[in-house]
C-alpha atoms as a PDB file:
ATOM      1  CA  TYR A   1     -70.701 152.235  22.761  1.00  0.00           C
ATOM      2  CA  ILE A   2     -70.897 151.270  19.285  1.00  0.00           C
ATOM      3  CA  ALA A   3     -70.409 147.904  19.485  1.00  0.00           C
ATOM      4  CA  GLU A   4     -72.796 147.627  22.306  1.00  0.00           C
ATOM      5  CA  ILE A   5     -75.378 149.347  20.284  1.00  0.00           C
ATOM      6  CA  ILE A   6     -74.778 147.077  17.425  1.00  0.00           C
ATOM      7  CA  ASP A   7     -75.126 144.113  19.635  1.00  0.00           C
ATOM      8  CA  MET A   8     -78.587 145.114  21.034  1.00  0.00           C
ATOM      9  CA  ILE A   9     -79.978 145.746  17.586  1.00  0.00           C
ATOM     10  CA  SER A  10     -78.771 142.555  16.135  1.00  0.00           C
ATOM     11  CA  LEU A  11     -80.527 140.892  18.933  1.00  0.00           C
ATOM     12  CA  SER A  12     -83.931 142.736  18.297  1.00  0.00           C
ATOM     13  CA  LYS A  13     -83.370 144.281  21.760  1.00  0.00           C
ATOM     14  CA  ILE A  14     -83.709 148.046  20.294  1.00  0.00           C
ATOM     15  CA  SER A  15     -84.618 149.601  16.998  1.00  0.00           C
ATOM     16  CA  LYS A  16     -82.277 151.607  14.693  1.00  0.00           C
ATOM     17  CA  SER A  17     -84.346 154.848  15.580  1.00  0.00           C
ATOM     18  CA  GLN A  18     -83.543 153.600  19.008  1.00  0.00           C
ATOM     19  CA  ALA A  19     -80.335 153.308  19.018  1.00  0.00           C
ATOM     20  CA  LYS A  20     -79.654 156.693  17.782  1.00  0.00           C
ATOM     21  CA  ALA A  21     -81.068 157.906  21.007  1.00  0.00           C
ATOM     22  CA  ILE A  22     -79.214 155.854  23.256  1.00  0.00           C
ATOM     23  CA  LEU A  23     -75.984 156.289  21.808  1.00  0.00           C
ATOM     24  CA  SER A  24     -76.323 160.371  21.590  1.00  0.00           C
ATOM     25  CA  GLU A  25     -77.373 159.803  25.504  1.00  0.00           C
ATOM     26  CA  SER A  26     -74.392 157.295  26.109  1.00  0.00           C
ATOM     27  CA  ILE A  27     -71.609 159.687  24.864  1.00  0.00           C
ATOM     28  CA  GLU A  28     -73.601 162.881  26.569  1.00  0.00           C
ATOM     29  CA  LYS A  29     -74.071 161.076  30.200  1.00  0.00           C
ATOM     30  CA  ASN A  30     -70.447 158.898  29.356  1.00  0.00           C
ATOM     31  CA  ILE A  31     -72.485 155.720  30.668  1.00  0.00           C
ATOM     32  CA  SER A  32     -72.923 152.373  28.866  1.00  0.00           C
ATOM     33  CA  PRO A  33     -75.642 151.814  26.485  1.00  0.00           C
ATOM     34  CA  ILE A  34     -77.045 148.757  28.605  1.00  0.00           C
ATOM     35  CA  GLU A  35     -77.075 151.179  31.680  1.00  0.00           C
ATOM     36  CA  ILE A  36     -79.262 153.310  29.729  1.00  0.00           C
ATOM     37  CA  ILE A  37     -81.757 150.859  28.716  1.00  0.00           C
ATOM     38  CA  GLY A  38     -82.009 149.204  32.190  1.00  0.00           C
ATOM     39  CA  SER A  39     -82.904 152.293  33.450  1.00  0.00           C
ATOM     40  CA  ASP A  40     -85.500 153.408  30.857  1.00  0.00           C
ATOM     41  CA  ASN A  41     -88.312 150.779  31.220  1.00  0.00           C
ATOM     42  CA  SER A  42     -90.633 152.689  28.688  1.00  0.00           C
ATOM     43  CA  LEU A  43     -88.039 151.585  25.628  1.00  0.00           C
ATOM     44  CA  GLU A  44     -88.611 148.152  25.286  1.00  0.00           C
ATOM     45  CA  ASN A  45     -90.889 144.981  26.710  1.00  0.00           C
ATOM     46  CA  TYR A  46     -88.204 142.300  26.515  1.00  0.00           C
ATOM     47  CA  ASP A  47     -90.079 139.768  28.357  1.00  0.00           C
ATOM     48  CA  LEU A  48     -90.825 137.129  25.623  1.00  0.00           C
ATOM     49  CA  SER A  49     -93.598 135.420  28.101  1.00  0.00           C
ATOM     50  CA  SER A  50     -95.457 138.807  28.305  1.00  0.00           C
ATOM     51  CA  LEU A  51     -94.689 139.634  24.404  1.00  0.00           C
ATOM     52  CA  ASP A  52     -96.309 135.877  23.661  1.00  0.00           C
ATOM     53  CA  ALA A  53     -99.505 137.028  26.157  1.00  0.00           C
ATOM     54  CA  ILE A  54    -100.447 139.802  24.170  1.00  0.00           C
ATOM     55  CA  ILE A  55    -100.168 138.556  20.546  1.00  0.00           C
ATOM     56  CA  SER A  56    -102.207 135.698  21.427  1.00  0.00           C
ATOM     57  CA  ASP A  57    -104.669 138.393  23.141  1.00  0.00           C
ATOM     58  CA  ILE A  58    -104.460 139.994  19.663  1.00  0.00           C
ATOM     59  CA  LEU A  59    -105.126 136.990  17.873  1.00  0.00           C
ATOM     60  CA  ALA A  60    -107.906 135.715  20.037  1.00  0.00           C
ATOM     61  CA  SER A  61    -109.480 139.585  19.810  1.00  0.00           C
ATOM     62  CA  ASN A  62    -109.339 139.976  15.692  1.00  0.00           C
ATOM     63  CA  LYS A  63    -110.316 136.283  14.449  1.00  0.00           C
ATOM     64  CA  ASP A  64    -111.644 138.000  11.288  1.00  0.00           C
ATOM     65  CA  ALA A  65    -108.167 139.300  10.530  1.00  0.00           C
ATOM     66  CA  VAL A  66    -106.561 136.077  11.515  1.00  0.00           C
ATOM     67  CA  SER A  67    -108.858 133.996   9.216  1.00  0.00           C
ATOM     68  CA  LYS A  68    -108.486 136.571   6.097  1.00  0.00           C
ATOM     69  CA  TYR A  69    -104.504 136.129   6.711  1.00  0.00           C
ATOM     70  CA  LYS A  70    -104.830 132.333   6.918  1.00  0.00           C
ATOM     71  CA  ASN A  71    -106.742 132.612   3.482  1.00  0.00           C
ATOM     72  CA  GLY A  72    -103.869 134.320   1.851  1.00  0.00           C
ATOM     73  CA  LYS A  73    -104.642 137.872   2.495  1.00  0.00           C
ATOM     74  CA  THR A  74    -101.666 138.748   4.036  1.00  0.00           C
ATOM     75  CA  ASN A  75    -101.804 142.689   3.958  1.00  0.00           C
ATOM     76  CA  VAL A  76    -103.494 142.537   7.091  1.00  0.00           C
ATOM     77  CA  PHE A  77    -100.735 141.200   9.066  1.00  0.00           C
ATOM     78  CA  GLY A  78     -99.539 144.992   9.156  1.00  0.00           C
ATOM     79  CA  PHE A  79    -102.634 145.504  11.179  1.00  0.00           C
ATOM     80  CA  LEU A  80    -102.023 142.691  13.534  1.00  0.00           C
ATOM     81  CA  VAL A  81     -98.445 144.051  14.040  1.00  0.00           C
ATOM     82  CA  ALA A  82    -100.029 147.514  14.659  1.00  0.00           C
ATOM     83  CA  GLN A  83    -102.214 145.867  17.325  1.00  0.00           C
ATOM     84  CA  ALA A  84     -99.467 144.344  19.015  1.00  0.00           C
ATOM     85  CA  MET A  85     -97.747 147.836  19.323  1.00  0.00           C
ATOM     86  CA  GLY A  86    -100.121 149.236  20.612  1.00  0.00           C
ATOM     87  CA  LYS A  87    -100.095 147.520  23.597  1.00  0.00           C
ATOM     88  CA  THR A  88     -95.988 147.220  23.977  1.00  0.00           C
ATOM     89  CA  LYS A  89     -92.894 149.132  23.059  1.00  0.00           C
ATOM     90  CA  ALA A  90     -91.042 146.211  21.935  1.00  0.00           C
ATOM     91  CA  ASN A  91     -89.091 146.388  18.599  1.00  0.00           C
ATOM     92  CA  PRO A  92     -91.703 145.886  15.594  1.00  0.00           C
ATOM     93  CA  LYS A  93     -89.446 143.311  13.910  1.00  0.00           C
ATOM     94  CA  LEU A  94     -89.314 141.148  16.900  1.00  0.00           C
ATOM     95  CA  ILE A  95     -93.331 141.768  17.093  1.00  0.00           C
ATOM     96  CA  ALA A  96     -93.473 140.596  13.795  1.00  0.00           C
ATOM     97  CA  ASP A  97     -91.419 137.347  13.809  1.00  0.00           C
ATOM     98  CA  LEU A  98     -93.486 136.276  16.732  1.00  0.00           C
ATOM     99  CA  LEU A  99     -96.594 136.579  15.029  1.00  0.00           C
ATOM    100  CA  LYS A 100     -95.597 134.828  12.286  1.00  0.00           C
ATOM    101  CA  SER A 101     -94.575 131.585  14.008  1.00  0.00           C
ATOM    102  CA  LYS A 102     -97.887 132.090  15.947  1.00  0.00           C
ATOM    103  CA  LEU A 103     -99.756 132.584  12.467  1.00  0.00           C
ATOM    104  CA  ASN A 104     -98.321 129.716  10.714  1.00  0.00           C
END
């Protein structure tokens, strides 16, 4: 189970805090972490195309923050990540990486 958990963390499919809960449930129920994630749709949003659409919507809705970021005020980046996290339960690191790629 631990190897599966480590793989999912390294692929940004789950966060470290989610890994603890998933590992605990795996041991308790004696089932694979992959089965747990497959049965719990609320864990994360893995669909990159839907994440891309969410991020595009966030950027379009927050043009002022995007402008500030592009003009060097990088502290607004956290705000944009938080906006995206409010619409999905995806891994924050994945959200941040996707936002950076769209902003740069």
